[in-house]
C-alpha atoms as a PDB file:
ATOM      1  CA  GLY A   1     136.577  32.703 143.186  1.00  0.00           C
ATOM      2  CA  LEU A   2     135.721  33.993 139.703  1.00  0.00           C
ATOM      3  CA  SER A   3     138.216  32.657 137.174  1.00  0.00           C
ATOM      4  CA  GLN A   4     136.976  34.623 134.150  1.00  0.00           C
ATOM      5  CA  PRO A   5     137.885  38.309 133.711  1.00  0.00           C
ATOM      6  CA  LEU A   6     135.387  40.780 135.145  1.00  0.00           C
ATOM      7  CA  ALA A   7     134.399  43.933 133.246  1.00  0.00           C
ATOM      8  CA  VAL A   8     132.086  46.675 134.513  1.00  0.00           C
ATOM      9  CA  VAL A   9     130.197  49.009 132.170  1.00  0.00           C
ATOM     10  CA  VAL A  10     129.091  52.086 134.123  1.00  0.00           C
ATOM     11  CA  LEU A  11     126.114  54.036 132.775  1.00  0.00           C
ATOM     12  CA  ASP A  12     125.426  56.967 135.112  1.00  0.00           C
ATOM     13  CA  LEU A  13     127.254  60.054 133.896  1.00  0.00           C
ATOM     14  CA  LEU A  14     128.630  61.605 137.036  1.00  0.00           C
ATOM     15  CA  SER A  15     127.561  60.161 140.393  1.00  0.00           C
ATOM     16  CA  ALA A  16     127.513  56.403 139.848  1.00  0.00           C
ATOM     17  CA  HIS A  17     127.422  54.408 143.079  1.00  0.00           C
ATOM     18  CA  ALA A  18     130.888  53.594 144.435  1.00  0.00           C
ATOM     19  CA  ALA A  19     130.031  49.872 144.419  1.00  0.00           C
ATOM     20  CA  TRP A  20     130.525  49.839 140.625  1.00  0.00           C
ATOM     21  CA  PHE A  21     134.165  50.766 141.042  1.00  0.00           C
ATOM     22  CA  THR A  22     135.563  47.507 142.333  1.00  0.00           C
ATOM     23  CA  CYS A  23     139.328  47.098 142.182  1.00  0.00           C
ATOM     24  CA  ASP A  24     138.771  43.395 141.375  1.00  0.00           C
ATOM     25  CA  ALA A  25     137.630  44.279 137.855  1.00  0.00           C
ATOM     26  CA  GLU A  26     140.146  43.905 135.049  1.00  0.00           C
ATOM     27  CA  LEU A  27     138.349  46.646 133.100  1.00  0.00           C
ATOM     28  CA  ILE A  28     135.925  49.432 134.003  1.00  0.00           C
ATOM     29  CA  LEU A  29     134.361  51.437 131.171  1.00  0.00           C
ATOM     30  CA  THR A  30     132.784  54.777 132.110  1.00  0.00           C
ATOM     31  CA  PRO A  31     130.477  57.058 130.124  1.00  0.00           C
ATOM     32  CA  THR A  32     132.300  60.338 130.866  1.00  0.00           C
ATOM     33  CA  ASP A  33     135.620  61.753 132.038  1.00  0.00           C
ATOM     34  CA  ALA A  34     133.918  62.772 135.279  1.00  0.00           C
ATOM     35  CA  ALA A  35     132.836  59.190 135.959  1.00  0.00           C
ATOM     36  CA  ARG A  36     136.382  58.012 135.214  1.00  0.00           C
ATOM     37  CA  ALA A  37     137.715  60.509 137.755  1.00  0.00           C
ATOM     38  CA  ARG A  38     135.291  59.119 140.310  1.00  0.00           C
ATOM     39  CA  ALA A  39     136.545  55.587 139.603  1.00  0.00           C
ATOM     40  CA  LEU A  40     140.116  56.738 140.230  1.00  0.00           C
ATOM     41  CA  ARG A  41     139.095  58.393 143.509  1.00  0.00           C
ATOM     42  CA  CYS A  42     137.569  55.063 144.521  1.00  0.00           C
ATOM     43  CA  GLY A  43     140.958  53.412 144.091  1.00  0.00           C
ATOM     44  CA  VAL A  44     140.653  51.762 140.676  1.00  0.00           C
ATOM     45  CA  PRO A  45     144.119  51.508 139.060  1.00  0.00           C
ATOM     46  CA  ILE A  46     144.493  54.038 136.267  1.00  0.00           C
ATOM     47  CA  ASP A  47     145.268  51.374 133.656  1.00  0.00           C
ATOM     48  CA  ARG A  48     141.980  49.560 134.334  1.00  0.00           C
ATOM     49  CA  VAL A  49     139.508  52.365 133.635  1.00  0.00           C
ATOM     50  CA  GLN A  50     138.669  53.933 130.267  1.00  0.00           C
ATOM     51  CA  VAL A  51     136.061  56.392 128.995  1.00  0.00           C
ATOM     52  CA  ALA A  52     133.768  54.645 126.524  1.00  0.00           C
ATOM     53  CA  GLY A  53     130.477  56.536 126.388  1.00  0.00           C
ATOM     54  CA  MET A  54     127.126  54.801 126.854  1.00  0.00           C
ATOM     55  CA  PRO A  55     125.879  51.844 124.806  1.00  0.00           C
ATOM     56  CA  THR A  56     122.786  52.382 122.666  1.00  0.00           C
ATOM     57  CA  ARG A  57     121.019  50.424 119.968  1.00  0.00           C
ATOM     58  CA  ARG A  58     122.040  51.039 116.365  1.00  0.00           C
ATOM     59  CA  ALA A  59     118.453  52.128 115.645  1.00  0.00           C
ATOM     60  CA  PHE A  60     119.165  55.493 117.271  1.00  0.00           C
ATOM     61  CA  MET A  61     122.068  56.219 114.919  1.00  0.00           C
ATOM     62  CA  GLU A  62     119.862  55.277 111.989  1.00  0.00           C
ATOM     63  CA  ALA A  63     117.025  57.487 113.283  1.00  0.00           C
ATOM     64  CA  ALA A  64     119.401  60.426 113.738  1.00  0.00           C
ATOM     65  CA  ALA A  65     119.991  60.405 109.976  1.00  0.00           C
ATOM     66  CA  TRP A  66     116.254  60.789 109.248  1.00  0.00           C
ATOM     67  CA  PRO A  67     114.681  64.172 108.577  1.00  0.00           C
ATOM     68  CA  ARG A  68     112.245  64.876 111.398  1.00  0.00           C
ATOM     69  CA  ALA A  69     109.447  65.123 108.830  1.00  0.00           C
ATOM     70  CA  ALA A  70     110.130  61.561 107.701  1.00  0.00           C
ATOM     71  CA  ALA A  71     109.962  60.248 111.264  1.00  0.00           C
ATOM     72  CA  ARG A  72     106.643  62.038 111.806  1.00  0.00           C
ATOM     73  CA  ALA A  73     105.203  60.720 108.578  1.00  0.00           C
ATOM     74  CA  HIS A  74     106.253  57.209 109.587  1.00  0.00           C
ATOM     75  CA  LEU A  75     104.421  57.550 112.920  1.00  0.00           C
ATOM     76  CA  GLY A  76     101.416  59.481 111.616  1.00  0.00           C
ATOM     77  CA  LEU A  77     102.227  62.606 113.647  1.00  0.00           C
ATOM     78  CA  PRO A  78     101.377  66.183 112.621  1.00  0.00           C
ATOM     79  CA  GLN A  79     104.088  67.936 110.636  1.00  0.00           C
ATOM     80  CA  GLU A  80     103.587  71.574 111.599  1.00  0.00           C
ATOM     81  CA  THR A  81     102.765  71.292 115.320  1.00  0.00           C
ATOM     82  CA  PRO A  82     105.554  70.850 117.906  1.00  0.00           C
ATOM     83  CA  VAL A  83     105.608  67.312 119.312  1.00  0.00           C
ATOM     84  CA  ILE A  84     106.316  66.815 123.014  1.00  0.00           C
ATOM     85  CA  LEU A  85     107.287  63.277 124.026  1.00  0.00           C
ATOM     86  CA  LEU A  86     106.672  62.284 127.658  1.00  0.00           C
ATOM     87  CA  VAL A  87     108.144  59.032 128.961  1.00  0.00           C
ATOM     88  CA  GLY A  88     108.576  57.202 132.246  1.00  0.00           C
ATOM     89  CA  GLY A  89     110.638  54.174 131.314  1.00  0.00           C
ATOM     90  CA  GLY A  90     109.396  50.816 130.092  1.00  0.00           C
ATOM     91  CA  ASP A  91     107.056  50.484 133.076  1.00  0.00           C
ATOM     92  CA  GLY A  92     105.733  54.060 133.097  1.00  0.00           C
ATOM     93  CA  LEU A  93     106.751  54.611 136.718  1.00  0.00           C
ATOM     94  CA  GLY A  94     107.192  57.719 138.831  1.00  0.00           C
ATOM     95  CA  PRO A  95     105.198  60.977 138.726  1.00  0.00           C
ATOM     96  CA  LEU A  96     104.558  60.798 134.979  1.00  0.00           C
ATOM     97  CA  ALA A  97     100.765  60.947 135.377  1.00  0.00           C
ATOM     98  CA  ALA A  98     100.944  64.100 137.494  1.00  0.00           C
ATOM     99  CA  VAL A  99     103.294  65.739 134.992  1.00  0.00           C
ATOM    100  CA  VAL A 100     100.969  64.929 132.078  1.00  0.00           C
ATOM    101  CA  LYS A 101      97.886  66.196 133.946  1.00  0.00           C
ATOM    102  CA  SER A 102      99.633  69.438 134.848  1.00  0.00           C
ATOM    103  CA  LEU A 103     100.709  69.998 131.255  1.00  0.00           C
ATOM    104  CA  VAL A 104      97.325  69.125 129.727  1.00  0.00           C
ATOM    105  CA  ALA A 105      95.635  71.575 132.112  1.00  0.00           C
ATOM    106  CA  ARG A 106      97.699  74.403 130.584  1.00  0.00           C
ATOM    107  CA  CYS A 107      96.569  73.593 127.007  1.00  0.00           C
ATOM    108  CA  PRO A 108     100.010  73.824 125.388  1.00  0.00           C
ATOM    109  CA  PRO A 109     100.186  74.614 121.644  1.00  0.00           C
ATOM    110  CA  ALA A 110     101.660  71.210 120.867  1.00  0.00           C
ATOM    111  CA  HIS A 111     100.851  67.597 120.131  1.00  0.00           C
ATOM    112  CA  LEU A 112     101.527  65.592 123.301  1.00  0.00           C
ATOM    113  CA  VAL A 113     102.601  61.950 123.064  1.00  0.00           C
ATOM    114  CA  VAL A 114     102.902  59.861 126.238  1.00  0.00           C
ATOM    115  CA  ILE A 115     104.655  56.493 126.196  1.00  0.00           C
ATOM    116  CA  ALA A 116     103.054  54.660 129.122  1.00  0.00           C
ATOM    117  CA  GLY A 117     105.065  51.476 128.589  1.00  0.00           C
ATOM    118  CA  ARG A 118     103.707  48.337 130.185  1.00  0.00           C
ATOM    119  CA  ASN A 119     101.694  50.344 132.720  1.00  0.00           C
ATOM    120  CA  GLN A 120      98.164  49.691 131.453  1.00  0.00           C
ATOM    121  CA  ALA A 121      96.558  51.397 134.457  1.00  0.00           C
ATOM    122  CA  LEU A 122      98.485  54.579 133.674  1.00  0.00           C
ATOM    123  CA  ALA A 123      97.470  54.422 130.013  1.00  0.00           C
ATOM    124  CA  THR A 124      93.797  54.074 130.993  1.00  0.00           C
ATOM    125  CA  VAL A 125      93.977  57.104 133.292  1.00  0.00           C
ATOM    126  CA  LEU A 126      95.723  59.258 130.708  1.00  0.00           C
ATOM    127  CA  ARG A 127      93.405  58.321 127.851  1.00  0.00           C
ATOM    128  CA  ALA A 128      90.522  59.721 129.885  1.00  0.00           C
ATOM    129  CA  LEU A 129      92.102  63.183 129.969  1.00  0.00           C
ATOM    130  CA  PRO A 130      90.771  65.865 127.613  1.00  0.00           C
ATOM    131  CA  GLY A 131      92.841  67.655 124.996  1.00  0.00           C
ATOM    132  CA  PRO A 132      95.274  66.762 122.193  1.00  0.00           C
ATOM    133  CA  LEU A 133      96.900  63.874 124.002  1.00  0.00           C
ATOM    134  CA  GLN A 134      98.127  60.686 122.289  1.00  0.00           C
ATOM    135  CA  VAL A 135      98.826  57.779 124.657  1.00  0.00           C
ATOM    136  CA  GLU A 136     100.913  54.823 123.538  1.00  0.00           C
ATOM    137  CA  GLY A 137     101.702  51.627 125.432  1.00  0.00           C
ATOM    138  CA  PHE A 138     105.026  49.842 125.198  1.00  0.00           C
ATOM    139  CA  VAL A 139     106.747  50.685 121.900  1.00  0.00           C
ATOM    140  CA  SER A 140     109.638  48.891 120.230  1.00  0.00           C
ATOM    141  CA  ASP A 141     110.654  51.800 117.983  1.00  0.00           C
ATOM    142  CA  MET A 142     111.543  54.447 120.562  1.00  0.00           C
ATOM    143  CA  ALA A 143     114.221  55.764 118.226  1.00  0.00           C
ATOM    144  CA  SER A 144     111.535  56.869 115.745  1.00  0.00           C
ATOM    145  CA  TRP A 145     109.467  58.557 118.467  1.00  0.00           C
ATOM    146  CA  MET A 146     112.481  60.450 119.761  1.00  0.00           C
ATOM    147  CA  ARG A 147     113.527  61.558 116.296  1.00  0.00           C
ATOM    148  CA  ALA A 148     110.000  62.819 115.608  1.00  0.00           C
ATOM    149  CA  ALA A 149     109.823  64.882 118.812  1.00  0.00           C
ATOM    150  CA  ASP A 150     110.877  68.468 119.489  1.00  0.00           C
ATOM    151  CA  LEU A 151     111.258  67.992 123.243  1.00  0.00           C
ATOM    152  CA  LEU A 152     111.574  65.052 125.642  1.00  0.00           C
ATOM    153  CA  VAL A 153     110.047  65.120 129.138  1.00  0.00           C
ATOM    154  CA  THR A 154     111.557  62.316 131.190  1.00  0.00           C
ATOM    155  CA  LYS A 155     113.183  61.066 134.351  1.00  0.00           C
ATOM    156  CA  ALA A 156     116.960  61.179 134.299  1.00  0.00           C
ATOM    157  CA  GLY A 157     117.742  57.543 133.473  1.00  0.00           C
ATOM    158  CA  PRO A 158     121.111  57.167 131.725  1.00  0.00           C
ATOM    159  CA  ASN A 159     119.860  54.984 128.864  1.00  0.00           C
ATOM    160  CA  THR A 160     117.230  57.545 127.892  1.00  0.00           C
ATOM    161  CA  LEU A 161     119.811  60.318 128.053  1.00  0.00           C
ATOM    162  CA  ALA A 162     122.226  58.464 125.781  1.00  0.00           C
ATOM    163  CA  GLU A 163     119.467  57.887 123.241  1.00  0.00           C
ATOM    164  CA  ALA A 164     118.330  61.517 123.366  1.00  0.00           C
ATOM    165  CA  PHE A 165     121.890  62.735 122.813  1.00  0.00           C
ATOM    166  CA  ILE A 166     122.219  60.720 119.615  1.00  0.00           C
ATOM    167  CA  VAL A 167     119.034  62.116 118.060  1.00  0.00           C
ATOM    168  CA  GLY A 168     119.752  65.644 119.358  1.00  0.00           C
ATOM    169  CA  LEU A 169     116.699  65.948 121.588  1.00  0.00           C
ATOM    170  CA  PRO A 170     116.504  68.606 124.344  1.00  0.00           C
ATOM    171  CA  MET A 171     115.127  67.428 127.679  1.00  0.00           C
ATOM    172  CA  VAL A 172     113.062  68.449 130.673  1.00  0.00           C
ATOM    173  CA  PHE A 173     113.716  66.260 133.726  1.00  0.00           C
ATOM    174  CA  TYR A 174     110.853  65.783 136.176  1.00  0.00           C
ATOM    175  CA  ALA A 175     112.512  63.148 138.400  1.00  0.00           C
ATOM    176  CA  ALA A 176     115.821  61.463 139.207  1.00  0.00           C
ATOM    177  CA  VAL A 177     116.773  58.579 141.467  1.00  0.00           C
ATOM    178  CA  PRO A 178     118.486  60.223 144.466  1.00  0.00           C
ATOM    179  CA  GLY A 179     122.240  59.854 144.380  1.00  0.00           C
ATOM    180  CA  GLN A 180     123.124  58.006 141.201  1.00  0.00           C
ATOM    181  CA  GLU A 181     120.840  59.928 138.776  1.00  0.00           C
ATOM    182  CA  ALA A 182     121.339  63.337 140.392  1.00  0.00           C
ATOM    183  CA  GLY A 183     124.638  63.571 138.576  1.00  0.00           C
ATOM    184  CA  ASN A 184     122.908  62.849 135.277  1.00  0.00           C
ATOM    185  CA  VAL A 185     120.739  65.934 135.785  1.00  0.00           C
ATOM    186  CA  ALA A 186     123.720  68.094 136.720  1.00  0.00           C
ATOM    187  CA  TYR A 187     125.746  66.879 133.724  1.00  0.00           C
ATOM    188  CA  VAL A 188     123.014  67.695 131.191  1.00  0.00           C
ATOM    189  CA  VAL A 189     121.782  70.946 132.734  1.00  0.00           C
ATOM    190  CA  GLU A 190     125.293  72.376 133.173  1.00  0.00           C
ATOM    191  CA  ARG A 191     125.968  71.707 129.485  1.00  0.00           C
ATOM    192  CA  GLY A 192     122.791  73.452 128.383  1.00  0.00           C
ATOM    193  CA  ALA A 193     121.033  70.383 126.955  1.00  0.00           C
ATOM    194  CA  GLY A 194     118.171  70.143 129.441  1.00  0.00           C
ATOM    195  CA  LEU A 195     116.197  71.692 132.294  1.00  0.00           C
ATOM    196  CA  TRP A 196     115.564  70.396 135.808  1.00  0.00           C
ATOM    197  CA  ALA A 197     111.907  70.751 136.842  1.00  0.00           C
ATOM    198  CA  PRO A 198     111.279  68.353 139.743  1.00  0.00           C
ATOM    199  CA  ARG A 199     107.603  69.128 140.403  1.00  0.00           C
ATOM    200  CA  PRO A 200     104.752  68.529 137.937  1.00  0.00           C
ATOM    201  CA  GLU A 201     103.851  72.213 137.718  1.00  0.00           C
ATOM    202  CA  GLN A 202     107.513  73.123 137.179  1.00  0.00           C
ATOM    203  CA  ALA A 203     107.826  70.573 134.403  1.00  0.00           C
ATOM    204  CA  ALA A 204     104.713  71.954 132.702  1.00  0.00           C
ATOM    205  CA  GLU A 205     106.005  75.519 132.933  1.00  0.00           C
ATOM    206  CA  ALA A 206     109.403  74.470 131.557  1.00  0.00           C
ATOM    207  CA  VAL A 207     107.717  72.871 128.549  1.00  0.00           C
ATOM    208  CA  LEU A 208     105.590  75.972 127.906  1.00  0.00           C
ATOM    209  CA  SER A 209     108.666  78.193 128.185  1.00  0.00           C
ATOM    210  CA  LEU A 210     110.590  76.153 125.612  1.00  0.00           C
ATOM    211  CA  LEU A 211     107.594  76.006 123.282  1.00  0.00           C
ATOM    212  CA  SER A 212     107.557  79.806 123.231  1.00  0.00           C
ATOM    213  CA  ARG A 213     111.329  79.981 122.546  1.00  0.00           C
ATOM    214  CA  PRO A 214     112.113  77.868 119.473  1.00  0.00           C
ATOM    215  CA  GLN A 215     115.629  79.323 119.174  1.00  0.00           C
ATOM    216  CA  ALA A 216     116.491  78.327 122.745  1.00  0.00           C
ATOM    217  CA  ARG A 217     115.071  74.874 122.039  1.00  0.00           C
ATOM    218  CA  ALA A 218     117.220  74.561 118.916  1.00  0.00           C
ATOM    219  CA  GLU A 219     120.333  75.546 120.859  1.00  0.00           C
ATOM    220  CA  MET A 220     119.559  72.933 123.508  1.00  0.00           C
ATOM    221  CA  ALA A 221     119.098  70.324 120.781  1.00  0.00           C
ATOM    222  CA  ALA A 222     122.531  71.149 119.325  1.00  0.00           C
ATOM    223  CA  ARG A 223     124.124  70.868 122.759  1.00  0.00           C
ATOM    224  CA  ALA A 224     122.428  67.524 123.361  1.00  0.00           C
ATOM    225  CA  ALA A 225     123.793  66.241 120.049  1.00  0.00           C
ATOM    226  CA  SER A 226     127.292  67.424 121.007  1.00  0.00           C
ATOM    227  CA  LEU A 227     127.207  65.067 124.024  1.00  0.00           C
ATOM    228  CA  ALA A 228     126.506  61.978 121.908  1.00  0.00           C
ATOM    229  CA  ARG A 229     129.051  59.194 121.468  1.00  0.00           C
ATOM    230  CA  PRO A 230     127.383  57.040 118.799  1.00  0.00           C
ATOM    231  CA  GLU A 231     130.471  54.839 118.486  1.00  0.00           C
ATOM    232  CA  ALA A 232     130.299  53.797 122.160  1.00  0.00           C
ATOM    233  CA  THR A 233     128.515  50.468 121.688  1.00  0.00           C
ATOM    234  CA  GLU A 234     131.060  49.237 119.166  1.00  0.00           C
ATOM    235  CA  PHE A 235     133.954  50.479 121.299  1.00  0.00           C
ATOM    236  CA  ILE A 236     132.617  48.710 124.398  1.00  0.00           C
ATOM    237  CA  ALA A 237     132.040  45.454 122.512  1.00  0.00           C
ATOM    238  CA  ARG A 238     135.581  45.566 121.107  1.00  0.00           C
ATOM    239  CA  LYS A 239     137.138  46.176 124.533  1.00  0.00           C
ATOM    240  CA  LEU A 240     135.191  43.314 126.094  1.00  0.00           C
ATOM    241  CA  TRP A 241     136.187  40.966 123.295  1.00  0.00           C
ATOM    242  CA  GLU A 242     139.841  41.963 123.637  1.00  0.00           C
ATOM    243  CA  LEU A 243     139.698  41.333 127.383  1.00  0.00           C
ATOM    244  CA  ALA A 244     138.267  37.846 126.851  1.00  0.00           C
ATOM    245  CA  ALA A 245     140.676  37.044 124.012  1.00  0.00           C
ATOM    246  CA  ASN A 246     143.706  38.113 126.058  1.00  0.00           C
ATOM    247  CA  HIS A 247     142.506  35.906 128.909  1.00  0.00           C
ATOM    248  CA  SER A 248     142.184  32.993 126.494  1.00  0.00           C
ATOM    249  CA  GLU A 249     145.721  33.530 125.212  1.00  0.00           C
ATOM    250  CA  SER A 250     147.031  33.711 128.759  1.00  0.00           C
ATOM    251  CA  MET A 251     145.367  30.404 129.635  1.00  0.00           C
ATOM    252  CA  GLN A 252     146.871  28.743 126.577  1.00  0.00           C
ATOM    253  CA  ALA A 253     150.317  30.102 127.459  1.00  0.00           C
ATOM    254  CA  ASN A 254     149.946  28.456 130.854  1.00  0.00           C
ATOM    255  CA  GLY A 255     149.244  25.072 129.286  1.00  0.00           C
ATOM    256  CA  ILE A 256     145.444  25.076 129.472  1.00  0.00           C
ATOM    257  CA  SER A 257     143.757  23.377 126.507  1.00  0.00           C
ATOM    258  CA  PRO A 258     142.453  25.581 123.653  1.00  0.00           C
ATOM    259  CA  HIS A 259     138.954  24.153 124.176  1.00  0.00           C
ATOM    260  CA  ARG A 260     138.872  25.269 127.798  1.00  0.00           C
ATOM    261  CA  ALA A 261     140.414  28.594 126.834  1.00  0.00           C
ATOM    262  CA  GLN A 262     137.699  29.187 124.235  1.00  0.00           C
ATOM    263  CA  ARG A 263     135.002  28.368 126.775  1.00  0.00           C
ATOM    264  CA  ALA A 264     136.565  30.894 129.150  1.00  0.00           C
ATOM    265  CA  THR A 265     136.473  33.513 126.390  1.00  0.00           C
ATOM    266  CA  GLY A 266     132.759  32.932 125.910  1.00  0.00           C
ATOM    267  CA  ARG A 267     132.121  33.261 129.633  1.00  0.00           C
ATOM    268  CA  ALA A 268     133.876  36.569 130.248  1.00  0.00           C
ATOM    269  CA  SER A 269     131.697  38.279 132.838  1.00  0.00           C
ATOM    270  CA  LEU A 270     129.955  41.581 132.196  1.00  0.00           C
ATOM    271  CA  HIS A 271     128.333  43.598 134.975  1.00  0.00           C
ATOM    272  CA  ASN A 272     126.338  46.670 133.997  1.00  0.00           C
END
């Protein structure tokens, strides 16, 4: 019964759930060619699906233009020591604590920064650990932290991946939601921009290995940057506006008042 046009913005890179690919949508925007191919296999008409990339905040494009030294100075981080950034989403969920403990136990030659998010219990546990470990709660300037880091240790959430691509940050994945995020891991690992290390000890060893191989780390960073689509947010916004505007024009052509048509434009539905 929905009268407004429906648009779907898909975020997962490869193995997004089939439920996103509804043939009732007037427009489906996917992050990659592989996700577009999946939409077509699910029966979406070819003229209703386009590759758009993944939306990110403008702050990440701005941070990408910073020298890493400037980002570190802004955050008060050491300039000469490698910085490893460990994250678990805004709520600090998953096996992040076990990954951090395993890495701290190996005394890596690096400055470790953990973003615990809103998980205060996790932050308390981690702050009790010995060693050069900096624990932050929820931060609003993640773009600066990513730009300052040499390596990101994370679960394979699509938003984090899109942000890391823009700032050219290599990744170690310690977890992925079965099914939908498994494809994110495969996409990044196959393109040489990250490593899959699904157990805490594996993640720690992957970090140590990359710390000892700065050239390999630099190559991974370049490959991560090559996957970025910094124009995606603007492209997606433009496509959604065009969809709503075309619907408004169609309503007016069918004799519906401009006021009602404008209201319909403002209510174009977005599912993401």
